Full PDB file with SEQRES, HELIX, SHEET, SSBOND, CRYST1, ORIGX, SCALE, CONECT and MASTER records, all heavy atoms in Angstrom:
SEQRES   1 A   40  VAL ILE ALA VAL SER GLU GLY VAL LYS ASP LYS ASN GLY          
SEQRES   2 A   40  VAL GLU LEU SER ALA SER GLN THR ASN VAL ASP ASP PHE          
SEQRES   3 A   40  GLY HIS GLN GLN LEU GLY GLY VAL ALA PRO ILE LEU ALA          
SEQRES   4 A   40  GLY                                                          
HELIX    1 AA1 VAL A   34  ALA A   39  1                                   6    
CRYST1    1.000    1.000    1.000  90.00  90.00  90.00 P 1           1          
ORIGX1      1.000000  0.000000  0.000000        0.00000                         
ORIGX2      0.000000  1.000000  0.000000        0.00000                         
ORIGX3      0.000000  0.000000  1.000000        0.00000                         
SCALE1      1.000000  0.000000  0.000000        0.00000                         
SCALE2      0.000000  1.000000  0.000000        0.00000                         
SCALE3      0.000000  0.000000  1.000000        0.00000                         
ATOM      1  N   VAL A   1     -22.047  10.398   5.309  1.00  0.00           N  
ATOM      2  CA  VAL A   1     -21.319  10.492   4.151  1.00  0.00           C  
ATOM      3  C   VAL A   1     -19.953  11.245   4.383  1.00  0.00           C  
ATOM      4  O   VAL A   1     -20.024  12.330   4.890  1.00  0.00           O  
ATOM      5  CB  VAL A   1     -22.122  11.287   3.004  1.00  0.00           C  
ATOM      6  CG1 VAL A   1     -21.368  11.439   1.705  1.00  0.00           C  
ATOM      7  CG2 VAL A   1     -23.451  10.552   2.747  1.00  0.00           C  
ATOM      8  N   ILE A   2     -18.912  10.743   3.920  1.00  0.00           N  
ATOM      9  CA  ILE A   2     -17.518  11.237   4.182  1.00  0.00           C  
ATOM     10  C   ILE A   2     -16.770  11.519   2.941  1.00  0.00           C  
ATOM     11  O   ILE A   2     -16.856  10.704   2.070  1.00  0.00           O  
ATOM     12  CB  ILE A   2     -16.743  10.187   4.984  1.00  0.00           C  
ATOM     13  CG1 ILE A   2     -17.473   9.847   6.362  1.00  0.00           C  
ATOM     14  CG2 ILE A   2     -15.347  10.754   5.286  1.00  0.00           C  
ATOM     15  CD1 ILE A   2     -16.928   8.559   7.059  1.00  0.00           C  
ATOM     16  N   ALA A   3     -16.180  12.564   2.768  1.00  0.00           N  
ATOM     17  CA  ALA A   3     -15.220  13.032   1.664  1.00  0.00           C  
ATOM     18  C   ALA A   3     -13.863  12.920   2.328  1.00  0.00           C  
ATOM     19  O   ALA A   3     -13.735  13.632   3.343  1.00  0.00           O  
ATOM     20  CB  ALA A   3     -15.530  14.369   1.104  1.00  0.00           C  
ATOM     21  N   VAL A   4     -12.969  12.420   1.624  1.00  0.00           N  
ATOM     22  CA  VAL A   4     -11.573  12.294   2.167  1.00  0.00           C  
ATOM     23  C   VAL A   4     -10.535  12.539   0.966  1.00  0.00           C  
ATOM     24  O   VAL A   4     -10.649  12.031  -0.096  1.00  0.00           O  
ATOM     25  CB  VAL A   4     -11.227  10.904   2.792  1.00  0.00           C  
ATOM     26  CG1 VAL A   4     -11.517   9.739   1.838  1.00  0.00           C  
ATOM     27  CG2 VAL A   4      -9.866  10.831   3.343  1.00  0.00           C  
ATOM     28  N   SER A   5      -9.531  13.251   1.349  1.00  0.00           N  
ATOM     29  CA  SER A   5      -8.458  13.600   0.453  1.00  0.00           C  
ATOM     30  C   SER A   5      -7.400  12.419   0.525  1.00  0.00           C  
ATOM     31  O   SER A   5      -7.158  11.876   1.575  1.00  0.00           O  
ATOM     32  CB  SER A   5      -7.787  14.825   0.744  1.00  0.00           C  
ATOM     33  OG  SER A   5      -6.582  14.962   0.079  1.00  0.00           O  
ATOM     34  N   GLU A   6      -7.021  11.921  -0.499  1.00  0.00           N  
ATOM     35  CA  GLU A   6      -5.956  10.740  -0.597  1.00  0.00           C  
ATOM     36  C   GLU A   6      -4.744  11.069   0.238  1.00  0.00           C  
ATOM     37  O   GLU A   6      -4.051  10.029   0.823  1.00  0.00           O  
ATOM     38  CB  GLU A   6      -5.586  10.533  -2.103  1.00  0.00           C  
ATOM     39  CG  GLU A   6      -4.770  11.645  -2.642  1.00  0.00           C  
ATOM     40  CD  GLU A   6      -4.248  11.391  -4.060  1.00  0.00           C  
ATOM     41  OE1 GLU A   6      -4.447  10.350  -4.516  1.00  0.00           O  
ATOM     42  OE2 GLU A   6      -3.664  12.331  -4.641  1.00  0.00           O  
ATOM     43  N   GLY A   7      -4.429  12.344   0.495  1.00  0.00           N  
ATOM     44  CA  GLY A   7      -3.197  12.640   1.212  1.00  0.00           C  
ATOM     45  C   GLY A   7      -3.409  12.863   2.801  1.00  0.00           C  
ATOM     46  O   GLY A   7      -2.521  13.462   3.369  1.00  0.00           O  
ATOM     47  N   VAL A   8      -4.480  12.439   3.271  1.00  0.00           N  
ATOM     48  CA  VAL A   8      -4.698  12.647   4.762  1.00  0.00           C  
ATOM     49  C   VAL A   8      -3.566  11.950   5.504  1.00  0.00           C  
ATOM     50  O   VAL A   8      -3.140  10.905   5.279  1.00  0.00           O  
ATOM     51  CB  VAL A   8      -6.049  11.968   5.190  1.00  0.00           C  
ATOM     52  CG1 VAL A   8      -6.143  11.866   6.631  1.00  0.00           C  
ATOM     53  CG2 VAL A   8      -7.229  12.838   4.599  1.00  0.00           C  
ATOM     54  N   LYS A   9      -3.092  12.761   6.581  1.00  0.00           N  
ATOM     55  CA  LYS A   9      -1.955  12.278   7.183  1.00  0.00           C  
ATOM     56  C   LYS A   9      -2.333  12.088   8.675  1.00  0.00           C  
ATOM     57  O   LYS A   9      -3.211  12.801   9.297  1.00  0.00           O  
ATOM     58  CB  LYS A   9      -0.821  13.244   7.143  1.00  0.00           C  
ATOM     59  CG  LYS A   9      -0.438  13.579   5.642  1.00  0.00           C  
ATOM     60  CD  LYS A   9       0.467  14.734   5.600  1.00  0.00           C  
ATOM     61  CE  LYS A   9       0.990  15.097   4.214  1.00  0.00           C  
ATOM     62  NZ  LYS A   9      -0.243  15.482   3.357  1.00  0.00           N  
ATOM     63  N   ASP A  10      -1.384  11.306   9.432  1.00  0.00           N  
ATOM     64  CA  ASP A  10      -1.521  11.171  10.934  1.00  0.00           C  
ATOM     65  C   ASP A  10      -0.870  12.359  11.596  1.00  0.00           C  
ATOM     66  O   ASP A  10      -0.246  13.210  10.836  1.00  0.00           O  
ATOM     67  CB  ASP A  10      -1.141   9.792  11.483  1.00  0.00           C  
ATOM     68  CG  ASP A  10       0.262   9.564  11.187  1.00  0.00           C  
ATOM     69  OD1 ASP A  10       1.141  10.556  10.959  1.00  0.00           O  
ATOM     70  OD2 ASP A  10       0.748   8.458  11.154  1.00  0.00           O  
ATOM     71  N   LYS A  11      -0.802  12.403  12.985  1.00  0.00           N  
ATOM     72  CA  LYS A  11      -0.228  13.464  13.645  1.00  0.00           C  
ATOM     73  C   LYS A  11       1.261  13.523  13.406  1.00  0.00           C  
ATOM     74  O   LYS A  11       1.897  14.607  13.663  1.00  0.00           O  
ATOM     75  CB  LYS A  11      -0.402  13.163  15.030  1.00  0.00           C  
ATOM     76  CG  LYS A  11       0.158  11.937  15.697  1.00  0.00           C  
ATOM     77  CD  LYS A  11      -0.189  11.864  17.170  1.00  0.00           C  
ATOM     78  CE  LYS A  11       0.386  10.501  17.780  1.00  0.00           C  
ATOM     79  NZ  LYS A  11       0.071  10.448  19.273  1.00  0.00           N  
ATOM     80  N   ASN A  12       1.945  12.488  12.908  1.00  0.00           N  
ATOM     81  CA  ASN A  12       3.432  12.442  12.631  1.00  0.00           C  
ATOM     82  C   ASN A  12       3.676  12.926  11.078  1.00  0.00           C  
ATOM     83  O   ASN A  12       4.783  12.846  10.672  1.00  0.00           O  
ATOM     84  CB  ASN A  12       3.978  11.099  12.851  1.00  0.00           C  
ATOM     85  CG  ASN A  12       3.829  10.657  14.396  1.00  0.00           C  
ATOM     86  OD1 ASN A  12       4.064  11.529  15.310  1.00  0.00           O  
ATOM     87  ND2 ASN A  12       3.410   9.365  14.651  1.00  0.00           N  
ATOM     88  N   GLY A  13       2.648  13.277  10.405  1.00  0.00           N  
ATOM     89  CA  GLY A  13       2.729  13.648   9.012  1.00  0.00           C  
ATOM     90  C   GLY A  13       2.922  12.532   7.999  1.00  0.00           C  
ATOM     91  O   GLY A  13       3.272  12.748   6.896  1.00  0.00           O  
ATOM     92  N   VAL A  14       2.575  11.339   8.418  1.00  0.00           N  
ATOM     93  CA  VAL A  14       2.680  10.108   7.440  1.00  0.00           C  
ATOM     94  C   VAL A  14       1.265   9.921   6.865  1.00  0.00           C  
ATOM     95  O   VAL A  14       0.281   9.771   7.475  1.00  0.00           O  
ATOM     96  CB  VAL A  14       3.090   8.993   8.310  1.00  0.00           C  
ATOM     97  CG1 VAL A  14       3.044   7.698   7.314  1.00  0.00           C  
ATOM     98  CG2 VAL A  14       4.431   9.171   8.813  1.00  0.00           C  
ATOM     99  N   GLU A  15       1.262   9.820   5.538  1.00  0.00           N  
ATOM    100  CA  GLU A  15       0.016   9.557   4.943  1.00  0.00           C  
ATOM    101  C   GLU A  15      -0.635   8.200   5.168  1.00  0.00           C  
ATOM    102  O   GLU A  15       0.098   7.242   5.265  1.00  0.00           O  
ATOM    103  CB  GLU A  15       0.132   9.587   3.253  1.00  0.00           C  
ATOM    104  CG  GLU A  15       0.482  10.948   2.751  1.00  0.00           C  
ATOM    105  CD  GLU A  15       1.967  11.177   2.537  1.00  0.00           C  
ATOM    106  OE1 GLU A  15       2.719  10.567   3.075  1.00  0.00           O  
ATOM    107  OE2 GLU A  15       2.265  12.177   1.741  1.00  0.00           O  
ATOM    108  N   LEU A  16      -1.810   8.182   5.481  1.00  0.00           N  
ATOM    109  CA  LEU A  16      -2.482   6.939   5.904  1.00  0.00           C  
ATOM    110  C   LEU A  16      -2.495   5.843   4.811  1.00  0.00           C  
ATOM    111  O   LEU A  16      -2.376   4.705   5.102  1.00  0.00           O  
ATOM    112  CB  LEU A  16      -4.008   7.172   6.150  1.00  0.00           C  
ATOM    113  CG  LEU A  16      -4.328   7.410   7.718  1.00  0.00           C  
ATOM    114  CD1 LEU A  16      -3.636   8.814   8.111  1.00  0.00           C  
ATOM    115  CD2 LEU A  16      -5.892   7.569   7.856  1.00  0.00           C  
ATOM    116  N   SER A  17      -2.393   6.379   3.442  1.00  0.00           N  
ATOM    117  CA  SER A  17      -2.412   5.285   2.455  1.00  0.00           C  
ATOM    118  C   SER A  17      -1.119   5.328   1.543  1.00  0.00           C  
ATOM    119  O   SER A  17      -0.939   4.729   0.477  1.00  0.00           O  
ATOM    120  CB  SER A  17      -3.479   5.742   1.413  1.00  0.00           C  
ATOM    121  OG  SER A  17      -3.220   6.925   0.888  1.00  0.00           O  
ATOM    122  N   ALA A  18       0.002   5.818   2.184  1.00  0.00           N  
ATOM    123  CA  ALA A  18       1.171   5.998   1.327  1.00  0.00           C  
ATOM    124  C   ALA A  18       1.829   4.507   1.250  1.00  0.00           C  
ATOM    125  O   ALA A  18       1.884   3.737   2.108  1.00  0.00           O  
ATOM    126  CB  ALA A  18       2.212   6.814   2.047  1.00  0.00           C  
ATOM    127  N   SER A  19       2.292   4.335  -0.035  1.00  0.00           N  
ATOM    128  CA  SER A  19       2.950   3.114  -0.237  1.00  0.00           C  
ATOM    129  C   SER A  19       4.500   3.414  -0.288  1.00  0.00           C  
ATOM    130  O   SER A  19       5.058   4.319  -0.804  1.00  0.00           O  
ATOM    131  CB  SER A  19       2.706   2.593  -1.748  1.00  0.00           C  
ATOM    132  OG  SER A  19       3.668   1.553  -2.167  1.00  0.00           O  
ATOM    133  N   GLN A  20       5.268   2.633   0.499  1.00  0.00           N  
ATOM    134  CA  GLN A  20       6.666   2.930   0.717  1.00  0.00           C  
ATOM    135  C   GLN A  20       7.581   2.411  -0.521  1.00  0.00           C  
ATOM    136  O   GLN A  20       8.539   2.696  -0.497  1.00  0.00           O  
ATOM    137  CB  GLN A  20       7.083   2.197   2.077  1.00  0.00           C  
ATOM    138  CG  GLN A  20       6.452   2.607   3.270  1.00  0.00           C  
ATOM    139  CD  GLN A  20       6.540   4.164   3.525  1.00  0.00           C  
ATOM    140  OE1 GLN A  20       7.596   4.690   3.376  1.00  0.00           O  
ATOM    141  NE2 GLN A  20       5.429   4.781   3.877  1.00  0.00           N  
ATOM    142  N   THR A  21       6.848   1.563  -1.366  1.00  0.00           N  
ATOM    143  CA  THR A  21       7.643   1.020  -2.436  1.00  0.00           C  
ATOM    144  C   THR A  21       7.459   1.773  -3.823  1.00  0.00           C  
ATOM    145  O   THR A  21       8.153   1.664  -4.637  1.00  0.00           O  
ATOM    146  CB  THR A  21       7.311  -0.509  -2.613  1.00  0.00           C  
ATOM    147  OG1 THR A  21       5.914  -0.640  -2.773  1.00  0.00           O  
ATOM    148  CG2 THR A  21       7.746  -1.236  -1.349  1.00  0.00           C  
ATOM    149  N   ASN A  22       6.135   2.221  -3.959  1.00  0.00           N  
ATOM    150  CA  ASN A  22       5.839   2.960  -5.239  1.00  0.00           C  
ATOM    151  C   ASN A  22       6.011   4.305  -5.306  1.00  0.00           C  
ATOM    152  O   ASN A  22       5.315   4.992  -4.596  1.00  0.00           O  
ATOM    153  CB  ASN A  22       4.348   2.525  -5.584  1.00  0.00           C  
ATOM    154  CG  ASN A  22       4.142   1.038  -5.842  1.00  0.00           C  
ATOM    155  OD1 ASN A  22       4.995   0.366  -6.216  1.00  0.00           O  
ATOM    156  ND2 ASN A  22       2.885   0.650  -5.405  1.00  0.00           N  
ATOM    157  N   VAL A  23       7.070   4.729  -6.105  1.00  0.00           N  
ATOM    158  CA  VAL A  23       7.356   6.206  -6.166  1.00  0.00           C  
ATOM    159  C   VAL A  23       7.211   6.647  -7.633  1.00  0.00           C  
ATOM    160  O   VAL A  23       7.868   5.893  -8.553  1.00  0.00           O  
ATOM    161  CB  VAL A  23       8.727   6.446  -5.594  1.00  0.00           C  
ATOM    162  CG1 VAL A  23       9.130   7.954  -5.778  1.00  0.00           C  
ATOM    163  CG2 VAL A  23       8.746   6.082  -4.179  1.00  0.00           C  
ATOM    164  N   ASP A  24       6.661   7.680  -7.872  1.00  0.00           N  
ATOM    165  CA  ASP A  24       6.498   8.238  -9.272  1.00  0.00           C  
ATOM    166  C   ASP A  24       7.747   8.939  -9.722  1.00  0.00           C  
ATOM    167  O   ASP A  24       8.738   9.130  -9.000  1.00  0.00           O  
ATOM    168  CB  ASP A  24       5.284   9.052  -9.568  1.00  0.00           C  
ATOM    169  CG  ASP A  24       5.268  10.385  -8.718  1.00  0.00           C  
ATOM    170  OD1 ASP A  24       6.378  10.788  -8.351  1.00  0.00           O  
ATOM    171  OD2 ASP A  24       4.204  10.841  -8.526  1.00  0.00           O  
ATOM    172  N   ASP A  25       7.732   9.441 -11.060  1.00  0.00           N  
ATOM    173  CA  ASP A  25       8.996  10.068 -11.585  1.00  0.00           C  
ATOM    174  C   ASP A  25       9.233  11.457 -10.958  1.00  0.00           C  
ATOM    175  O   ASP A  25      10.287  11.977 -11.065  1.00  0.00           O  
ATOM    176  CB  ASP A  25       8.783  10.245 -13.133  1.00  0.00           C  
ATOM    177  CG  ASP A  25       8.959   8.826 -13.729  1.00  0.00           C  
ATOM    178  OD1 ASP A  25       9.706   7.974 -13.312  1.00  0.00           O  
ATOM    179  OD2 ASP A  25       8.332   8.623 -14.814  1.00  0.00           O  
ATOM    180  N   PHE A  26       8.317  11.987 -10.264  1.00  0.00           N  
ATOM    181  CA  PHE A  26       8.554  13.210  -9.519  1.00  0.00           C  
ATOM    182  C   PHE A  26       9.052  12.991  -8.107  1.00  0.00           C  
ATOM    183  O   PHE A  26       9.270  13.961  -7.332  1.00  0.00           O  
ATOM    184  CB  PHE A  26       7.149  14.030  -9.424  1.00  0.00           C  
ATOM    185  CG  PHE A  26       6.674  14.486 -10.686  1.00  0.00           C  
ATOM    186  CD1 PHE A  26       5.444  14.146 -11.166  1.00  0.00           C  
ATOM    187  CD2 PHE A  26       7.462  15.231 -11.589  1.00  0.00           C  
ATOM    188  CE1 PHE A  26       5.017  14.620 -12.381  1.00  0.00           C  
ATOM    189  CE2 PHE A  26       7.064  15.710 -12.672  1.00  0.00           C  
ATOM    190  CZ  PHE A  26       5.756  15.386 -13.188  1.00  0.00           C  
ATOM    191  N   GLY A  27       9.225  11.674  -7.754  1.00  0.00           N  
ATOM    192  CA  GLY A  27       9.735  11.477  -6.270  1.00  0.00           C  
ATOM    193  C   GLY A  27       8.647  11.351  -5.307  1.00  0.00           C  
ATOM    194  O   GLY A  27       8.940  11.258  -4.093  1.00  0.00           O  
ATOM    195  N   HIS A  28       7.422  11.307  -5.778  1.00  0.00           N  
ATOM    196  CA  HIS A  28       6.240  11.304  -4.923  1.00  0.00           C  
ATOM    197  C   HIS A  28       5.788   9.905  -4.548  1.00  0.00           C  
ATOM    198  O   HIS A  28       5.662   9.049  -5.535  1.00  0.00           O  
ATOM    199  CB  HIS A  28       5.057  12.103  -5.450  1.00  0.00           C  
ATOM    200  CG  HIS A  28       5.354  13.492  -5.679  1.00  0.00           C  
ATOM    201  ND1 HIS A  28       4.764  14.129  -6.650  1.00  0.00           N  
ATOM    202  CD2 HIS A  28       6.060  14.451  -5.145  1.00  0.00           C  
ATOM    203  CE1 HIS A  28       5.204  15.314  -6.870  1.00  0.00           C  
ATOM    204  NE2 HIS A  28       6.016  15.547  -5.852  1.00  0.00           N  
ATOM    205  N   GLN A  29       5.498   9.488  -3.301  1.00  0.00           N  
ATOM    206  CA  GLN A  29       4.963   8.232  -3.125  1.00  0.00           C  
ATOM    207  C   GLN A  29       3.505   8.048  -3.624  1.00  0.00           C  
ATOM    208  O   GLN A  29       2.846   8.976  -3.622  1.00  0.00           O  
ATOM    209  CB  GLN A  29       4.851   7.989  -1.547  1.00  0.00           C  
ATOM    210  CG  GLN A  29       6.235   7.802  -0.883  1.00  0.00           C  
ATOM    211  CD  GLN A  29       6.043   7.635   0.649  1.00  0.00           C  
ATOM    212  OE1 GLN A  29       5.067   8.042   1.234  1.00  0.00           O  
ATOM    213  NE2 GLN A  29       7.045   6.932   1.318  1.00  0.00           N  
ATOM    214  N   GLN A  30       3.332   6.918  -4.300  1.00  0.00           N  
ATOM    215  CA  GLN A  30       2.041   6.648  -4.848  1.00  0.00           C  
ATOM    216  C   GLN A  30       0.933   6.632  -3.777  1.00  0.00           C  
ATOM    217  O   GLN A  30       1.071   5.778  -2.932  1.00  0.00           O  
ATOM    218  CB  GLN A  30       2.156   5.385  -5.790  1.00  0.00           C  
ATOM    219  CG  GLN A  30       0.727   5.204  -6.444  1.00  0.00           C  
ATOM    220  CD  GLN A  30       0.900   4.021  -7.386  1.00  0.00           C  
ATOM    221  OE1 GLN A  30       1.985   3.870  -8.072  1.00  0.00           O  
ATOM    222  NE2 GLN A  30      -0.196   3.299  -7.591  1.00  0.00           N  
ATOM    223  N   LEU A  31       0.041   7.378  -3.973  1.00  0.00           N  
ATOM    224  CA  LEU A  31      -1.182   7.326  -2.854  1.00  0.00           C  
ATOM    225  C   LEU A  31      -2.309   6.667  -3.547  1.00  0.00           C  
ATOM    226  O   LEU A  31      -2.393   6.221  -4.672  1.00  0.00           O  
ATOM    227  CB  LEU A  31      -1.453   8.738  -2.499  1.00  0.00           C  
ATOM    228  CG  LEU A  31      -0.403   9.572  -1.833  1.00  0.00           C  
ATOM    229  CD1 LEU A  31      -0.926  10.947  -1.329  1.00  0.00           C  
ATOM    230  CD2 LEU A  31       0.116   8.832  -0.621  1.00  0.00           C  
ATOM    231  N   GLY A  32      -3.391   6.541  -2.693  1.00  0.00           N  
ATOM    232  CA  GLY A  32      -4.634   5.924  -3.220  1.00  0.00           C  
ATOM    233  C   GLY A  32      -4.938   4.693  -2.244  1.00  0.00           C  
ATOM    234  O   GLY A  32      -4.004   3.894  -1.956  1.00  0.00           O  
ATOM    235  N   GLY A  33      -6.133   4.655  -1.764  1.00  0.00           N  
ATOM    236  CA  GLY A  33      -6.597   3.532  -0.980  1.00  0.00           C  
ATOM    237  C   GLY A  33      -6.838   3.951   0.456  1.00  0.00           C  
ATOM    238  O   GLY A  33      -6.944   3.124   1.406  1.00  0.00           O  
ATOM    239  N   VAL A  34      -7.074   5.349   0.755  1.00  0.00           N  
ATOM    240  CA  VAL A  34      -7.367   5.659   2.157  1.00  0.00           C  
ATOM    241  C   VAL A  34      -8.816   5.381   2.442  1.00  0.00           C  
ATOM    242  O   VAL A  34      -9.144   5.138   3.640  1.00  0.00           O  
ATOM    243  CB  VAL A  34      -7.067   7.197   2.454  1.00  0.00           C  
ATOM    244  CG1 VAL A  34      -7.993   8.156   1.521  1.00  0.00           C  
ATOM    245  CG2 VAL A  34      -7.045   7.598   3.805  1.00  0.00           C  
ATOM    246  N   ALA A  35      -9.702   5.439   1.477  1.00  0.00           N  
ATOM    247  CA  ALA A  35     -11.108   5.104   1.663  1.00  0.00           C  
ATOM    248  C   ALA A  35     -11.350   3.700   2.331  1.00  0.00           C  
ATOM    249  O   ALA A  35     -12.082   3.658   3.311  1.00  0.00           O  
ATOM    250  CB  ALA A  35     -11.958   5.218   0.475  1.00  0.00           C  
ATOM    251  N   PRO A  36     -10.723   2.667   1.785  1.00  0.00           N  
ATOM    252  CA  PRO A  36     -10.844   1.304   2.389  1.00  0.00           C  
ATOM    253  C   PRO A  36     -10.285   1.328   3.777  1.00  0.00           C  
ATOM    254  O   PRO A  36     -10.701   0.512   4.717  1.00  0.00           O  
ATOM    255  CB  PRO A  36     -10.168   0.304   1.500  1.00  0.00           C  
ATOM    256  CG  PRO A  36      -9.377   1.175   0.551  1.00  0.00           C  
ATOM    257  CD  PRO A  36      -9.993   2.523   0.508  1.00  0.00           C  
ATOM    258  N   ILE A  37      -9.156   2.032   4.108  1.00  0.00           N  
ATOM    259  CA  ILE A  37      -8.620   2.064   5.385  1.00  0.00           C  
ATOM    260  C   ILE A  37      -9.598   2.554   6.381  1.00  0.00           C  
ATOM    261  O   ILE A  37      -9.806   2.154   7.449  1.00  0.00           O  
ATOM    262  CB  ILE A  37      -7.274   2.909   5.404  1.00  0.00           C  
ATOM    263  CG1 ILE A  37      -6.175   2.081   4.585  1.00  0.00           C  
ATOM    264  CG2 ILE A  37      -6.791   3.168   6.778  1.00  0.00           C  
ATOM    265  CD1 ILE A  37      -4.975   2.968   4.375  1.00  0.00           C  
ATOM    266  N   LEU A  38     -10.199   3.763   5.980  1.00  0.00           N  
ATOM    267  CA  LEU A  38     -11.216   4.412   6.897  1.00  0.00           C  
ATOM    268  C   LEU A  38     -12.425   3.452   7.112  1.00  0.00           C  
ATOM    269  O   LEU A  38     -12.931   3.309   8.277  1.00  0.00           O  
ATOM    270  CB  LEU A  38     -11.643   5.610   6.206  1.00  0.00           C  
ATOM    271  CG  LEU A  38     -10.708   6.801   6.183  1.00  0.00           C  
ATOM    272  CD1 LEU A  38     -11.319   8.017   5.448  1.00  0.00           C  
ATOM    273  CD2 LEU A  38     -10.128   7.227   7.542  1.00  0.00           C  
ATOM    274  N   ALA A  39     -12.839   2.820   6.034  1.00  0.00           N  
ATOM    275  CA  ALA A  39     -13.997   1.892   6.175  1.00  0.00           C  
ATOM    276  C   ALA A  39     -13.713   0.735   7.161  1.00  0.00           C  
ATOM    277  O   ALA A  39     -14.397   0.268   7.906  1.00  0.00           O  
ATOM    278  CB  ALA A  39     -14.267   1.276   4.725  1.00  0.00           C  
ATOM    279  N   GLY A  40     -12.431   0.299   7.068  1.00  0.00           N  
ATOM    280  CA  GLY A  40     -11.960  -0.918   7.939  1.00  0.00           C  
ATOM    281  C   GLY A  40     -11.955  -0.337   9.447  1.00  0.00           C  
ATOM    282  O   GLY A  40     -12.478  -1.097  10.353  1.00  0.00           O  
TER     283      GLY A  40                                                      
MASTER        0    0    0    1    0    0    0    6  282    1    0    4          
END                                                                             
């Protein structure tokens, strides 16, 4: 059983699930979707 934070990053500081196109009004990249990446 694994718990994962949506903001998990690689060694270069890039979020595994970051969308490069979706940015919210605070200027933050929209996250979400790291679980299926890990599952894959």
